[in-house]
Protein backbone atom coordinates (compact mmCIF):
# COMPACT_ATOMS: atom_id res chain seq x y z
CA MET A 1 193.59 27.82 -77.51
CA SER A 2 190.48 25.34 -78.34
CA GLU A 3 188.33 25.46 -80.95
CA LEU A 4 185.64 27.99 -81.04
CA ARG A 5 181.97 27.07 -81.89
CA ASP A 6 179.96 28.21 -84.70
CA ASP A 7 177.88 31.54 -83.99
CA SER A 8 182.38 33.40 -83.56
CA GLN A 9 180.91 33.56 -86.92
CA ASP A 10 178.45 35.90 -86.01
CA HIS A 11 178.64 39.38 -88.62
CA ILE A 12 180.88 41.86 -87.34
CA ASP A 13 178.83 45.61 -87.47
CA THR A 14 181.91 47.79 -88.55
CA ASN A 15 179.05 50.38 -88.39
CA THR A 16 178.94 50.39 -84.67
CA PRO A 17 181.51 50.87 -82.06
CA SER A 18 182.29 48.18 -79.93
CA ALA A 19 183.93 49.19 -76.31
CA ALA A 20 186.50 46.11 -77.35
CA ARG A 21 187.20 47.57 -80.93
CA MET A 22 187.98 51.38 -78.53
CA TYR A 23 189.56 49.62 -76.33
CA ASP A 24 192.06 47.87 -78.64
CA TYR A 25 192.76 51.70 -80.67
CA LEU A 26 193.11 52.96 -77.40
CA LEU A 27 195.86 50.38 -76.57
CA GLY A 28 197.28 51.61 -80.34
CA GLY A 29 196.14 48.12 -81.68
CA HIS A 30 195.28 47.44 -84.99
CA TYR A 31 192.08 45.68 -84.85
CA ASN A 32 188.85 48.08 -85.04
CA TYR A 33 187.58 50.21 -87.50
CA PRO A 34 186.75 53.81 -88.48
CA SER A 35 183.49 53.81 -86.05
CA ASP A 36 185.74 52.69 -83.45
CA ARG A 37 188.08 55.16 -83.94
CA GLU A 38 185.77 58.34 -84.51
CA ALA A 39 183.95 57.08 -81.56
CA CYS A 40 187.29 57.26 -79.36
CA ASP A 41 187.67 60.32 -80.87
CA GLN A 42 184.02 61.35 -79.36
CA LEU A 43 185.00 59.81 -76.34
CA LEU A 44 188.45 61.76 -75.90
CA GLN A 45 187.37 65.64 -76.28
CA THR A 46 184.78 64.65 -72.92
CA ALA A 47 187.67 62.95 -70.72
CA PRO A 48 191.07 63.37 -72.28
CA SER A 49 192.71 60.89 -70.56
CA THR A 50 191.03 58.19 -71.40
CA ARG A 51 194.49 56.86 -73.39
CA GLU A 52 196.72 56.68 -70.52
CA LEU A 53 193.54 55.21 -68.97
CA ALA A 54 193.88 52.71 -71.49
CA VAL A 55 197.09 51.79 -70.74
CA ASN A 56 197.44 51.57 -67.10
CA ASN A 57 194.54 49.43 -66.88
CA ARG A 58 196.18 46.91 -69.13
CA ALA A 59 199.92 47.02 -67.09
CA PHE A 60 197.08 46.69 -64.18
CA LEU A 61 195.93 43.72 -66.02
CA VAL A 62 199.82 42.02 -65.91
CA ARG A 63 200.69 42.73 -62.76
CA VAL A 64 197.88 41.38 -60.85
CA VAL A 65 197.69 37.79 -63.17
CA ARG A 66 201.41 37.89 -62.01
CA HIS A 67 200.88 38.75 -58.66
CA ILE A 68 197.84 35.79 -58.43
CA ALA A 69 199.86 33.28 -59.95
CA ARG A 70 202.95 33.51 -57.51
CA HIS A 71 201.70 34.96 -54.61
CA TYR A 72 198.34 32.83 -54.04
CA GLY A 73 200.07 29.85 -56.22
CA VAL A 74 196.24 29.76 -58.42
CA LYS A 75 196.39 27.97 -61.82
CA GLN A 76 192.99 28.20 -62.83
CA PHE A 77 191.86 31.83 -64.53
CA ILE A 78 188.07 33.63 -65.75
CA ASP A 79 188.68 36.14 -67.77
CA HIS A 80 185.68 37.92 -67.73
CA GLY A 81 185.02 40.37 -71.20
CA SER A 82 188.82 39.43 -71.76
CA GLY A 83 188.77 41.71 -75.20
CA LEU A 84 191.24 41.52 -78.67
CA PRO A 85 194.28 39.55 -78.70
CA THR A 86 197.03 41.73 -77.48
CA GLN A 87 200.73 42.00 -75.61
CA ASN A 88 200.76 39.81 -72.26
CA ASN A 89 197.79 38.27 -72.20
CA VAL A 90 196.69 36.43 -69.24
CA HIS A 91 197.51 33.40 -70.33
CA GLN A 92 201.01 34.51 -71.36
CA VAL A 93 202.06 36.46 -67.52
CA ALA A 94 200.08 33.24 -66.21
CA GLN A 95 201.97 30.52 -67.74
CA ALA A 96 205.43 32.59 -67.51
CA VAL A 97 204.88 32.24 -63.54
CA ASP A 98 203.78 28.47 -64.04
CA PRO A 99 203.31 26.49 -67.90
CA ASP A 100 200.20 24.66 -66.22
CA CYS A 101 198.26 27.19 -65.61
CA LYS A 102 194.84 27.32 -67.32
CA VAL A 103 192.86 30.53 -68.86
CA VAL A 104 189.26 30.47 -70.41
CA TYR A 105 188.93 33.71 -71.87
CA VAL A 106 184.56 35.00 -71.78
CA ASP A 107 182.99 37.49 -74.87
CA ASN A 108 180.68 37.35 -76.91
CA ASP A 109 182.24 40.42 -79.53
CA PRO A 110 182.55 38.27 -82.92
CA LEU A 111 185.52 39.66 -83.73
CA VAL A 112 186.92 39.20 -80.31
CA LEU A 113 186.38 35.25 -80.68
CA GLY A 114 187.70 35.11 -84.69
CA TYR A 115 190.64 36.65 -83.83
CA GLY A 116 191.03 35.03 -80.38
CA ARG A 117 191.41 31.74 -82.67
CA ALA A 118 193.66 33.23 -85.32
CA PHE A 119 196.52 34.86 -83.01
CA LEU A 120 196.26 33.43 -79.99
CA GLU A 121 198.84 30.12 -80.42
CA GLU A 122 197.63 27.02 -79.67
CA ASN A 123 197.44 25.80 -76.57
CA PRO A 124 195.88 22.78 -74.38
CA ASN A 125 195.39 24.99 -71.23
CA VAL A 126 193.75 27.93 -72.87
CA LEU A 127 189.62 27.61 -74.05
CA ILE A 128 187.48 30.99 -75.50
CA LEU A 129 183.82 30.70 -74.46
CA PRO A 130 182.32 32.89 -76.73
CA SER A 131 179.52 33.97 -73.95
CA ASP A 132 177.41 37.05 -72.28
CA MET A 133 179.23 37.56 -69.12
CA ARG A 134 176.20 37.44 -67.43
CA GLU A 135 175.09 34.32 -68.35
CA THR A 136 177.74 32.50 -65.59
CA ALA A 137 175.89 29.35 -65.38
CA THR A 138 176.99 28.60 -69.02
CA ILE A 139 180.20 30.12 -68.68
CA ALA A 140 180.63 27.71 -65.88
CA ALA A 141 180.12 24.69 -67.85
CA GLY A 142 181.74 24.92 -70.86
CA ALA A 143 185.45 26.71 -68.30
CA ALA A 144 184.54 22.85 -66.89
CA GLN A 145 186.18 21.75 -70.05
CA ILE A 146 189.51 22.51 -68.19
CA ILE A 147 188.63 24.58 -64.76
CA ASP A 148 188.57 22.27 -61.94
CA PHE A 149 185.87 24.39 -59.78
CA LYS A 150 186.81 21.98 -56.62
CA GLU A 151 190.74 23.68 -56.52
CA PRO A 152 190.64 27.59 -55.95
CA VAL A 153 189.99 30.19 -59.29
CA ALA A 154 191.10 33.64 -60.16
CA ALA A 155 187.71 35.20 -61.68
CA LEU A 156 188.44 38.27 -63.59
CA PHE A 157 186.20 41.26 -63.91
CA VAL A 158 189.01 44.00 -65.08
CA SER A 159 187.43 47.41 -66.88
CA VAL A 160 184.35 45.41 -67.99
CA LEU A 161 181.97 46.69 -65.33
CA HIS A 162 180.73 49.76 -66.57
CA CYS A 163 179.61 47.60 -69.85
CA ILE A 164 176.54 46.19 -67.78
CA PRO A 165 173.94 47.71 -67.17
CA ASP A 166 171.59 48.32 -63.61
CA ASP A 167 168.51 45.65 -65.42
CA ASP A 168 167.12 42.77 -64.76
CA GLN A 169 168.92 41.16 -67.05
CA GLY A 170 171.75 39.87 -64.31
CA ASN A 171 173.36 42.90 -63.21
CA PRO A 172 176.83 43.24 -62.23
CA ARG A 173 176.59 43.29 -58.52
CA ARG A 174 174.35 39.35 -59.79
CA MET A 175 176.86 38.38 -61.61
CA ILE A 176 179.76 38.67 -58.68
CA GLU A 177 176.79 36.95 -56.31
CA ASP A 178 176.92 34.15 -59.03
CA THR A 179 180.50 33.82 -59.47
CA VAL A 180 181.55 34.04 -55.89
CA ARG A 181 179.20 30.98 -55.34
CA LEU A 182 180.99 28.42 -57.93
CA LEU A 183 184.38 29.23 -56.19
CA ALA A 184 185.89 27.16 -53.74
CA PRO A 185 187.34 29.02 -50.70
CA GLY A 186 191.03 29.90 -51.28
CA SER A 187 190.06 31.50 -55.11
CA VAL A 188 190.42 35.37 -55.56
CA VAL A 189 188.41 37.78 -57.38
CA VAL A 190 189.41 41.20 -59.25
CA ILE A 191 186.76 43.80 -59.75
CA CYS A 192 187.74 47.10 -61.05
CA GLN A 193 185.98 49.50 -63.42
CA LEU A 194 185.80 53.55 -64.84
CA VAL A 195 184.93 55.58 -61.94
CA SER A 196 184.38 59.51 -61.73
CA PRO A 197 182.85 62.06 -58.59
CA HIS A 198 181.86 64.31 -61.25
CA GLU A 199 178.46 63.17 -62.18
CA TRP A 200 178.34 65.28 -65.33
CA ILE A 201 181.19 63.41 -66.49
CA ARG A 202 179.40 59.90 -65.38
CA GLU A 203 176.34 60.87 -67.28
CA GLN A 204 178.22 62.72 -70.72
CA VAL A 205 179.92 59.20 -71.25
CA THR A 206 177.51 56.99 -70.49
CA GLU A 207 175.08 58.62 -73.18
CA LEU A 208 177.87 59.13 -75.58
CA MET A 209 178.84 55.10 -75.19
CA ARG A 210 175.21 54.59 -74.42
CA GLU A 211 174.50 56.13 -78.45
CA GLN A 212 177.95 54.86 -80.10
CA THR A 213 177.56 50.98 -79.12
CA GLY A 214 173.80 50.76 -79.82
CA ASN A 215 172.61 51.08 -76.32
CA ARG A 216 175.63 47.49 -75.57
CA TRP A 217 176.95 49.33 -72.53
CA GLY A 218 176.40 49.98 -68.89
CA ARG A 219 177.43 53.07 -67.27
CA VAL A 220 180.56 55.37 -65.64
CA ARG A 221 179.81 53.97 -60.95
CA THR A 222 181.40 56.17 -58.33
CA GLN A 223 183.75 54.89 -55.78
CA ALA A 224 180.94 54.08 -53.13
CA GLU A 225 178.81 51.60 -55.94
CA VAL A 226 182.14 49.74 -56.95
CA ASP A 227 183.05 49.88 -53.18
CA GLU A 228 179.65 48.06 -52.36
CA PHE A 229 180.84 45.15 -55.09
CA PHE A 230 183.01 44.27 -52.24
CA THR A 231 180.43 43.03 -49.66
CA ILE A 232 179.20 40.50 -51.73
CA PRO A 233 179.57 37.72 -48.88
CA ARG A 234 182.74 36.11 -49.13
CA LEU A 235 184.83 37.83 -50.11
CA HIS A 236 187.71 39.59 -48.05
CA LEU A 237 189.33 42.25 -49.56
CA GLU A 238 192.35 42.23 -49.65
CA GLU A 239 193.72 44.69 -47.06
CA GLU A 240 197.52 45.60 -47.50
CA VAL A 241 196.58 47.40 -51.04
CA GLY A 242 192.85 47.99 -50.79
CA LEU A 243 190.68 49.15 -52.92
CA LEU A 244 192.25 52.61 -55.07
CA ASP A 245 193.47 53.27 -58.47
CA VAL A 246 194.64 50.56 -60.25
CA THR A 247 197.25 52.49 -61.44
CA ASP A 248 199.12 52.48 -58.25
CA TRP A 249 197.72 48.43 -57.15
CA ARG A 250 201.47 47.20 -56.47
CA PRO A 251 203.16 49.46 -59.08
CA ASP A 252 206.54 47.51 -60.23
CA THR A 253 207.66 50.38 -62.29
CA GLU A 254 208.62 53.61 -63.08
CA LEU A 255 206.98 53.26 -66.38
CA VAL A 256 204.08 54.63 -65.89
CA ARG A 257 201.54 56.95 -67.64
CA ARG A 258 199.82 59.70 -65.34
CA GLN A 259 196.84 60.82 -66.48
CA ALA A 260 197.53 64.67 -67.01
CA THR A 261 193.90 64.69 -65.81
CA ARG A 262 191.97 62.95 -63.84
CA GLU A 263 187.84 63.26 -64.53
CA TRP A 264 187.61 59.73 -64.10
CA ILE A 265 189.79 56.49 -63.22
CA GLU A 266 190.21 52.44 -63.43
CA TYR A 267 189.19 51.99 -59.13
CA GLY A 268 189.26 48.24 -57.77
CA GLY A 269 191.24 45.49 -56.30
CA LEU A 270 191.25 42.30 -55.54
CA ALA A 271 189.80 39.58 -52.55
CA THR A 272 189.97 36.73 -52.20
CA VAL A 273 186.74 33.86 -51.80
CA GLY A 274 186.51 32.44 -47.88
């Protein structure tokens, strides 16, 4: 993995939970603190299926990256809001299909950046950028170190859009639109986020996460709102599968931890760029 800039050494606030470290805890990881675990415990009281949801979402990421590399032959990936290193990271999955695949990870969590440098193996085809995922121009400039934007790129927005608020600083739709404008025909965009049909779940979880993370959170949305992301110009939904609970997106194993309750799900799919 390429070296990080000095801002990767920013102070880590261990008292304020972060979405990345909470996700790590739900996956059974070790890169988290008591504040993250306590926040997850509170979240699980409102949404008991959250741990299964997180595990299934990670399995979706592995399947979709493998499918993109195999079926579409795309060899370049940008993983927005990549989170903490775990097993079967994007570069490991993609490079198992084709060793020449190049992967750019984008995250601004200091712990993510620190562990990204410490634990992801040195690899000339992997780069980590310490950026807010909404900083599309900055990301493009940094990614150009290893990414050729004249060739197809897979832009991944997997379980991150709920971290983006709807404000003037860059809402999710604008972020996706800005990214799509950079991509060559034949590129692929993967979008999924947490949704719920229950207004009380959307409101309670959104309020809890904003409070716990120091307002570094967006909101839980509806399926209809995620559907709208796929109406962005040049995006063409993969109609064979469509939009659905990502647990059911091209399943390739029976080892799925079904949610005992479905107060919310991870919802989305894949689109090509025309």
